[in-house]
Amino acid sequence: MTDTVTDLQLDTSGLQCPMPLLKTRQALRHMQPGQVMEVIATDASSAIDIPAYLRQSCHELVRSEEKSGRFILVIRRGEQES
């Protein structure tokens, strides 16, 4: 996978559902459109819940991968708040 330059890193390691999703949504609200955030999670539900939320929002999932039990999601902030 290609490396994407990120503006922010959110480490939710050790947090259980729904906290990684809630913290991701909160961080997105404080970002500017076009900014990119890397979310790191250890809860497998995050790999499902966060992309599902993004599909219903204006934000974009740039890439997602699982590496050594950690789920890494790279998200680009959309133009409008959702």
PDB file of N, CA and C in Angstrom:
ATOM      1  N   MET A   1       0.844  -1.176   0.000  1.00  0.00           N
ATOM      2  CA  MET A   1       0.000   0.000   0.000  1.00  0.00           C
ATOM      3  C   MET A   1       0.887   1.235   0.000  1.00  0.00           C
ATOM      4  N   THR A   2       0.408   2.268  -0.682  1.00  0.00           N
ATOM      5  CA  THR A   2       1.180   3.494  -0.715  1.00  0.00           C
ATOM      6  C   THR A   2       0.995   4.267   0.577  1.00  0.00           C
ATOM      7  N   ASP A   3       2.050   4.958   0.953  1.00  0.00           N
ATOM      8  CA  ASP A   3       1.979   5.778   2.155  1.00  0.00           C
ATOM      9  C   ASP A   3       1.234   7.066   1.833  1.00  0.00           C
ATOM     10  N   THR A   4       0.373   7.464   2.715  1.00  0.00           N
ATOM     11  CA  THR A   4      -0.393   8.694   2.580  1.00  0.00           C
ATOM     12  C   THR A   4       0.044   9.631   3.694  1.00  0.00           C
ATOM     13  N   VAL A   5       0.320  10.874   3.341  1.00  0.00           N
ATOM     14  CA  VAL A   5       0.697  11.861   4.347  1.00  0.00           C
ATOM     15  C   VAL A   5      -0.543  12.179   5.170  1.00  0.00           C
ATOM     16  N   THR A   6      -0.413  12.096   6.491  1.00  0.00           N
ATOM     17  CA  THR A   6      -1.549  12.366   7.363  1.00  0.00           C
ATOM     18  C   THR A   6      -1.312  13.636   8.177  1.00  0.00           C
ATOM     19  N   ASP A   7      -2.406  14.312   8.486  1.00  0.00           N
ATOM     20  CA  ASP A   7      -2.359  15.530   9.291  1.00  0.00           C
ATOM     21  C   ASP A   7      -2.522  15.228  10.772  1.00  0.00           C
ATOM     22  N   LEU A   8      -3.114  14.079  11.071  1.00  0.00           N
ATOM     23  CA  LEU A   8      -3.459  13.746  12.447  1.00  0.00           C
ATOM     24  C   LEU A   8      -3.412  12.237  12.619  1.00  0.00           C
ATOM     25  N   GLN A   9      -3.005  11.783  13.785  1.00  0.00           N
ATOM     26  CA  GLN A   9      -3.065  10.362  14.116  1.00  0.00           C
ATOM     27  C   GLN A   9      -3.905  10.205  15.377  1.00  0.00           C
ATOM     28  N   LEU A  10      -4.874   9.295  15.311  1.00  0.00           N
ATOM     29  CA  LEU A  10      -5.749   9.009  16.442  1.00  0.00           C
ATOM     30  C   LEU A  10      -5.526   7.557  16.838  1.00  0.00           C
ATOM     31  N   ASP A  11      -4.955   7.341  18.002  1.00  0.00           N
ATOM     32  CA  ASP A  11      -4.672   5.989  18.483  1.00  0.00           C
ATOM     33  C   ASP A  11      -5.749   5.584  19.491  1.00  0.00           C
ATOM     34  N   THR A  12      -6.605   4.655  19.076  1.00  0.00           N
ATOM     35  CA  THR A  12      -7.676   4.171  19.955  1.00  0.00           C
ATOM     36  C   THR A  12      -7.366   2.766  20.459  1.00  0.00           C
ATOM     37  N   SER A  13      -6.113   2.386  20.415  1.00  0.00           N
ATOM     38  CA  SER A  13      -5.699   1.055  20.874  1.00  0.00           C
ATOM     39  C   SER A  13      -6.194   0.805  22.292  1.00  0.00           C
ATOM     40  N   GLY A  14      -6.761  -0.387  22.501  1.00  0.00           N
ATOM     41  CA  GLY A  14      -7.246  -0.770  23.817  1.00  0.00           C
ATOM     42  C   GLY A  14      -8.681  -0.372  24.092  1.00  0.00           C
ATOM     43  N   LEU A  15      -9.245   0.510  23.271  1.00  0.00           N
ATOM     44  CA  LEU A  15     -10.639   0.915  23.463  1.00  0.00           C
ATOM     45  C   LEU A  15     -11.570  -0.068  22.763  1.00  0.00           C
ATOM     46  N   GLN A  16     -12.708  -0.327  23.377  1.00  0.00           N
ATOM     47  CA  GLN A  16     -13.696  -1.252  22.823  1.00  0.00           C
ATOM     48  C   GLN A  16     -14.835  -0.467  22.180  1.00  0.00           C
ATOM     49  N   CYS A  17     -15.547  -1.130  21.277  1.00  0.00           N
ATOM     50  CA  CYS A  17     -16.713  -0.576  20.608  1.00  0.00           C
ATOM     51  C   CYS A  17     -17.693  -0.040  21.657  1.00  0.00           C
ATOM     52  N   PRO A  18     -18.236   1.131  21.461  1.00  0.00           N
ATOM     53  CA  PRO A  18     -18.207   2.023  20.293  1.00  0.00           C
ATOM     54  C   PRO A  18     -17.187   3.158  20.397  1.00  0.00           C
ATOM     55  N   MET A  19     -16.287   3.132  21.366  1.00  0.00           N
ATOM     56  CA  MET A  19     -15.387   4.265  21.600  1.00  0.00           C
ATOM     57  C   MET A  19     -14.499   4.636  20.407  1.00  0.00           C
ATOM     58  N   PRO A  20     -13.895   3.676  19.669  1.00  0.00           N
ATOM     59  CA  PRO A  20     -13.087   4.093  18.523  1.00  0.00           C
ATOM     60  C   PRO A  20     -13.898   4.888  17.490  1.00  0.00           C
ATOM     61  N   LEU A  21     -15.127   4.460  17.234  1.00  0.00           N
ATOM     62  CA  LEU A  21     -15.977   5.190  16.291  1.00  0.00           C
ATOM     63  C   LEU A  21     -16.330   6.573  16.836  1.00  0.00           C
ATOM     64  N   LEU A  22     -16.706   6.657  18.091  1.00  0.00           N
ATOM     65  CA  LEU A  22     -17.076   7.949  18.676  1.00  0.00           C
ATOM     66  C   LEU A  22     -15.898   8.917  18.672  1.00  0.00           C
ATOM     67  N   LYS A  23     -14.711   8.427  18.993  1.00  0.00           N
ATOM     68  CA  LYS A  23     -13.522   9.288  18.994  1.00  0.00           C
ATOM     69  C   LYS A  23     -13.155   9.713  17.568  1.00  0.00           C
ATOM     70  N   THR A  24     -13.370   8.818  16.595  1.00  0.00           N
ATOM     71  CA  THR A  24     -13.120   9.155  15.194  1.00  0.00           C
ATOM     72  C   THR A  24     -14.060  10.264  14.742  1.00  0.00           C
ATOM     73  N   ARG A  25     -15.335  10.124  15.044  1.00  0.00           N
ATOM     74  CA  ARG A  25     -16.317  11.150  14.669  1.00  0.00           C
ATOM     75  C   ARG A  25     -15.978  12.490  15.321  1.00  0.00           C
ATOM     76  N   GLN A  26     -15.593  12.463  16.581  1.00  0.00           N
ATOM     77  CA  GLN A  26     -15.242  13.690  17.291  1.00  0.00           C
ATOM     78  C   GLN A  26     -14.031  14.363  16.640  1.00  0.00           C
ATOM     79  N   ALA A  27     -13.022  13.580  16.303  1.00  0.00           N
ATOM     80  CA  ALA A  27     -11.819  14.131  15.670  1.00  0.00           C
ATOM     81  C   ALA A  27     -12.147  14.727  14.303  1.00  0.00           C
ATOM     82  N   LEU A  28     -13.002  14.051  13.526  1.00  0.00           N
ATOM     83  CA  LEU A  28     -13.382  14.558  12.208  1.00  0.00           C
ATOM     84  C   LEU A  28     -14.065  15.919  12.311  1.00  0.00           C
ATOM     85  N   ARG A  29     -14.853  16.124  13.341  1.00  0.00           N
ATOM     86  CA  ARG A  29     -15.551  17.405  13.522  1.00  0.00           C
ATOM     87  C   ARG A  29     -14.566  18.563  13.714  1.00  0.00           C
ATOM     88  N   HIS A  30     -13.380  18.279  14.225  1.00  0.00           N
ATOM     89  CA  HIS A  30     -12.392  19.326  14.490  1.00  0.00           C
ATOM     90  C   HIS A  30     -11.382  19.493  13.354  1.00  0.00           C
ATOM     91  N   MET A  31     -11.522  18.698  12.310  1.00  0.00           N
ATOM     92  CA  MET A  31     -10.602  18.771  11.178  1.00  0.00           C
ATOM     93  C   MET A  31     -11.151  19.689  10.092  1.00  0.00           C
ATOM     94  N   GLN A  32     -10.269  20.156   9.229  1.00  0.00           N
ATOM     95  CA  GLN A  32     -10.658  20.960   8.076  1.00  0.00           C
ATOM     96  C   GLN A  32     -10.910  20.034   6.886  1.00  0.00           C
ATOM     97  N   PRO A  33     -11.816  20.420   5.964  1.00  0.00           N
ATOM     98  CA  PRO A  33     -12.046  19.606   4.771  1.00  0.00           C
ATOM     99  C   PRO A  33     -10.734  19.333   4.034  1.00  0.00           C
ATOM    100  N   GLY A  34     -10.569  18.086   3.617  1.00  0.00           N
ATOM    101  CA  GLY A  34      -9.372  17.679   2.886  1.00  0.00           C
ATOM    102  C   GLY A  34      -8.253  17.157   3.765  1.00  0.00           C
ATOM    103  N   GLN A  35      -8.307  17.427   5.065  1.00  0.00           N
ATOM    104  CA  GLN A  35      -7.270  16.903   5.951  1.00  0.00           C
ATOM    105  C   GLN A  35      -7.412  15.387   6.067  1.00  0.00           C
ATOM    106  N   VAL A  36      -6.294  14.732   6.356  1.00  0.00           N
ATOM    107  CA  VAL A  36      -6.244  13.272   6.420  1.00  0.00           C
ATOM    108  C   VAL A  36      -5.843  12.837   7.827  1.00  0.00           C
ATOM    109  N   MET A  37      -6.557  11.833   8.326  1.00  0.00           N
ATOM    110  CA  MET A  37      -6.300  11.304   9.669  1.00  0.00           C
ATOM    111  C   MET A  37      -6.056   9.801   9.578  1.00  0.00           C
ATOM    112  N   GLU A  38      -5.093   9.330  10.360  1.00  0.00           N
ATOM    113  CA  GLU A  38      -4.849   7.899  10.494  1.00  0.00           C
ATOM    114  C   GLU A  38      -5.418   7.456  11.841  1.00  0.00           C
ATOM    115  N   VAL A  39      -6.312   6.474  11.800  1.00  0.00           N
ATOM    116  CA  VAL A  39      -6.898   5.923  13.018  1.00  0.00           C
ATOM    117  C   VAL A  39      -6.280   4.550  13.249  1.00  0.00           C
ATOM    118  N   ILE A  40      -5.807   4.309  14.455  1.00  0.00           N
ATOM    119  CA  ILE A  40      -5.252   3.014  14.837  1.00  0.00           C
ATOM    120  C   ILE A  40      -6.175   2.422  15.891  1.00  0.00           C
ATOM    121  N   ALA A  41      -6.594   1.180  15.668  1.00  0.00           N
ATOM    122  CA  ALA A  41      -7.509   0.522  16.603  1.00  0.00           C
ATOM    123  C   ALA A  41      -7.091  -0.929  16.794  1.00  0.00           C
ATOM    124  N   THR A  42      -7.417  -1.465  17.957  1.00  0.00           N
ATOM    125  CA  THR A  42      -7.168  -2.885  18.217  1.00  0.00           C
ATOM    126  C   THR A  42      -8.469  -3.674  18.293  1.00  0.00           C
ATOM    127  N   ASP A  43      -9.589  -2.990  18.377  1.00  0.00           N
ATOM    128  CA  ASP A  43     -10.899  -3.638  18.414  1.00  0.00           C
ATOM    129  C   ASP A  43     -11.328  -3.954  16.984  1.00  0.00           C
ATOM    130  N   ALA A  44     -11.517  -5.243  16.678  1.00  0.00           N
ATOM    131  CA  ALA A  44     -11.855  -5.672  15.319  1.00  0.00           C
ATOM    132  C   ALA A  44     -13.143  -5.039  14.809  1.00  0.00           C
ATOM    133  N   SER A  45     -14.054  -4.692  15.688  1.00  0.00           N
ATOM    134  CA  SER A  45     -15.304  -4.043  15.267  1.00  0.00           C
ATOM    135  C   SER A  45     -15.037  -2.713  14.570  1.00  0.00           C
ATOM    136  N   SER A  46     -13.952  -2.074  14.912  1.00  0.00           N
ATOM    137  CA  SER A  46     -13.615  -0.782  14.301  1.00  0.00           C
ATOM    138  C   SER A  46     -13.403  -0.904  12.801  1.00  0.00           C
ATOM    139  N   ALA A  47     -12.863  -2.031  12.364  1.00  0.00           N
ATOM    140  CA  ALA A  47     -12.610  -2.251  10.944  1.00  0.00           C
ATOM    141  C   ALA A  47     -13.908  -2.376  10.156  1.00  0.00           C
ATOM    142  N   ILE A  48     -15.017  -2.593  10.847  1.00  0.00           N
ATOM    143  CA  ILE A  48     -16.339  -2.676  10.219  1.00  0.00           C
ATOM    144  C   ILE A  48     -17.124  -1.392  10.480  1.00  0.00           C
ATOM    145  N   ASP A  49     -17.153  -0.965  11.735  1.00  0.00           N
ATOM    146  CA  ASP A  49     -17.989   0.173  12.140  1.00  0.00           C
ATOM    147  C   ASP A  49     -17.549   1.499  11.524  1.00  0.00           C
ATOM    148  N   ILE A  50     -16.270   1.767  11.525  1.00  0.00           N
ATOM    149  CA  ILE A  50     -15.798   3.055  11.004  1.00  0.00           C
ATOM    150  C   ILE A  50     -16.034   3.159   9.497  1.00  0.00           C
ATOM    151  N   PRO A  51     -15.669   2.160   8.673  1.00  0.00           N
ATOM    152  CA  PRO A  51     -15.992   2.255   7.247  1.00  0.00           C
ATOM    153  C   PRO A  51     -17.501   2.355   6.977  1.00  0.00           C
ATOM    154  N   ALA A  52     -18.321   1.671   7.780  1.00  0.00           N
ATOM    155  CA  ALA A  52     -19.779   1.762   7.608  1.00  0.00           C
ATOM    156  C   ALA A  52     -20.248   3.195   7.854  1.00  0.00           C
ATOM    157  N   TYR A  53     -19.727   3.822   8.893  1.00  0.00           N
ATOM    158  CA  TYR A  53     -20.063   5.225   9.165  1.00  0.00           C
ATOM    159  C   TYR A  53     -19.613   6.117   8.006  1.00  0.00           C
ATOM    160  N   LEU A  54     -18.401   5.895   7.505  1.00  0.00           N
ATOM    161  CA  LEU A  54     -17.871   6.737   6.433  1.00  0.00           C
ATOM    162  C   LEU A  54     -18.702   6.624   5.160  1.00  0.00           C
ATOM    163  N   ARG A  55     -19.226   5.433   4.867  1.00  0.00           N
ATOM    164  CA  ARG A  55     -20.071   5.250   3.680  1.00  0.00           C
ATOM    165  C   ARG A  55     -21.341   6.094   3.763  1.00  0.00           C
ATOM    166  N   GLN A  56     -21.794   6.392   4.964  1.00  0.00           N
ATOM    167  CA  GLN A  56     -23.016   7.175   5.158  1.00  0.00           C
ATOM    168  C   GLN A  56     -22.719   8.661   5.363  1.00  0.00           C
ATOM    169  N   SER A  57     -21.468   9.029   5.264  1.00  0.00           N
ATOM    170  CA  SER A  57     -21.064  10.415   5.517  1.00  0.00           C
ATOM    171  C   SER A  57     -20.398  10.988   4.269  1.00  0.00           C
ATOM    172  N   CYS A  58     -19.897  12.201   4.400  1.00  0.00           N
ATOM    173  CA  CYS A  58     -19.196  12.850   3.290  1.00  0.00           C
ATOM    174  C   CYS A  58     -17.693  12.565   3.328  1.00  0.00           C
ATOM    175  N   HIS A  59     -17.243  11.781   4.303  1.00  0.00           N
ATOM    176  CA  HIS A  59     -15.817  11.504   4.465  1.00  0.00           C
ATOM    177  C   HIS A  59     -15.406  10.288   3.632  1.00  0.00           C
ATOM    178  N   GLU A  60     -14.109  10.191   3.336  1.00  0.00           N
ATOM    179  CA  GLU A  60     -13.598   9.135   2.453  1.00  0.00           C
ATOM    180  C   GLU A  60     -12.607   8.227   3.186  1.00  0.00           C
ATOM    181  N   LEU A  61     -12.808   6.929   3.033  1.00  0.00           N
ATOM    182  CA  LEU A  61     -11.832   5.963   3.521  1.00  0.00           C
ATOM    183  C   LEU A  61     -10.766   5.828   2.439  1.00  0.00           C
ATOM    184  N   VAL A  62      -9.583   6.337   2.709  1.00  0.00           N
ATOM    185  CA  VAL A  62      -8.490   6.319   1.736  1.00  0.00           C
ATOM    186  C   VAL A  62      -7.895   4.921   1.652  1.00  0.00           C
ATOM    187  N   ARG A  63      -7.645   4.320   2.806  1.00  0.00           N
ATOM    188  CA  ARG A  63      -7.149   2.939   2.838  1.00  0.00           C
ATOM    189  C   ARG A  63      -7.383   2.345   4.215  1.00  0.00           C
ATOM    190  N   SER A  64      -7.342   1.029   4.235  1.00  0.00           N
ATOM    191  CA  SER A  64      -7.554   0.291   5.478  1.00  0.00           C
ATOM    192  C   SER A  64      -6.684  -0.954   5.425  1.00  0.00           C
ATOM    193  N   GLU A  65      -6.033  -1.266   6.537  1.00  0.00           N
ATOM    194  CA  GLU A  65      -5.223  -2.480   6.590  1.00  0.00           C
ATOM    195  C   GLU A  65      -5.148  -3.000   8.016  1.00  0.00           C
ATOM    196  N   GLU A  66      -4.818  -4.272   8.130  1.00  0.00           N
ATOM    197  CA  GLU A  66      -4.614  -4.901   9.435  1.00  0.00           C
ATOM    198  C   GLU A  66      -3.152  -5.313   9.495  1.00  0.00           C
ATOM    199  N   LYS A  67      -2.482  -4.892  10.558  1.00  0.00           N
ATOM    200  CA  LYS A  67      -1.054  -5.168  10.688  1.00  0.00           C
ATOM    201  C   LYS A  67      -0.767  -5.530  12.141  1.00  0.00           C
ATOM    202  N   SER A  68      -0.350  -6.744  12.378  1.00  0.00           N
ATOM    203  CA  SER A  68       0.034  -7.202  13.719  1.00  0.00           C
ATOM    204  C   SER A  68      -1.052  -6.962  14.766  1.00  0.00           C
ATOM    205  N   GLY A  69      -2.299  -7.272  14.398  1.00  0.00           N
ATOM    206  CA  GLY A  69      -3.407  -7.123  15.337  1.00  0.00           C
ATOM    207  C   GLY A  69      -3.912  -5.704  15.508  1.00  0.00           C
ATOM    208  N   ARG A  70      -3.375  -4.787  14.709  1.00  0.00           N
ATOM    209  CA  ARG A  70      -3.835  -3.392  14.747  1.00  0.00           C
ATOM    210  C   ARG A  70      -4.505  -3.060  13.423  1.00  0.00           C
ATOM    211  N   PHE A  71      -5.619  -2.376  13.512  1.00  0.00           N
ATOM    212  CA  PHE A  71      -6.357  -1.956  12.329  1.00  0.00           C
ATOM    213  C   PHE A  71      -6.023  -0.494  12.071  1.00  0.00           C
ATOM    214  N   ILE A  72      -5.568  -0.214  10.859  1.00  0.00           N
ATOM    215  CA  ILE A  72      -5.151   1.132  10.489  1.00  0.00           C
ATOM    216  C   ILE A  72      -6.082   1.624   9.390  1.00  0.00           C
ATOM    217  N   LEU A  73      -6.770   2.717   9.671  1.00  0.00           N
ATOM    218  CA  LEU A  73      -7.701   3.305   8.719  1.00  0.00           C
ATOM    219  C   LEU A  73      -7.264   4.735   8.439  1.00  0.00           C
ATOM    220  N   VAL A  74      -7.143   5.075   7.167  1.00  0.00           N
ATOM    221  CA  VAL A  74      -6.761   6.426   6.771  1.00  0.00           C
ATOM    222  C   VAL A  74      -7.998   7.083   6.167  1.00  0.00           C
ATOM    223  N   ILE A  75      -8.374   8.225   6.735  1.00  0.00           N
ATOM    224  CA  ILE A  75      -9.632   8.886   6.403  1.00  0.00           C
ATOM    225  C   ILE A  75      -9.368  10.315   5.950  1.00  0.00           C
ATOM    226  N   ARG A  76     -10.022  10.714   4.845  1.00  0.00           N
ATOM    227  CA  ARG A  76      -9.954  12.106   4.385  1.00  0.00           C
ATOM    228  C   ARG A  76     -11.256  12.799   4.775  1.00  0.00           C
ATOM    229  N   ARG A  77     -11.136  13.937   5.440  1.00  0.00           N
ATOM    230  CA  ARG A  77     -12.298  14.718   5.884  1.00  0.00           C
ATOM    231  C   ARG A  77     -13.022  15.282   4.671  1.00  0.00           C
ATOM    232  N   GLY A  78     -14.329  15.090   4.617  1.00  0.00           N
ATOM    233  CA  GLY A  78     -15.146  15.592   3.522  1.00  0.00           C
ATOM    234  C   GLY A  78     -15.430  17.081   3.643  1.00  0.00           C
ATOM    235  N   GLU A  79     -16.115  17.602   2.646  1.00  0.00           N
ATOM    236  CA  GLU A  79     -16.410  19.031   2.579  1.00  0.00           C
ATOM    237  C   GLU A  79     -17.471  19.478   3.571  1.00  0.00           C
ATOM    238  N   GLN A  80     -18.441  18.619   3.844  1.00  0.00           N
ATOM    239  CA  GLN A  80     -19.548  19.004   4.718  1.00  0.00           C
ATOM    240  C   GLN A  80     -19.533  18.166   5.979  1.00  0.00           C
ATOM    241  N   GLU A  81     -20.048  18.740   7.046  1.00  0.00           N
ATOM    242  CA  GLU A  81     -20.178  17.992   8.301  1.00  0.00           C
ATOM    243  C   GLU A  81     -21.328  17.010   8.164  1.00  0.00           C
ATOM    244  N   SER A  82     -21.132  15.814   8.691  1.00  0.00           N
ATOM    245  CA  SER A  82     -22.221  14.826   8.666  1.00  0.00           C
ATOM    246  C   SER A  82     -22.299  14.125   9.992  1.00  0.00           C
TER     247      SER A  82
END
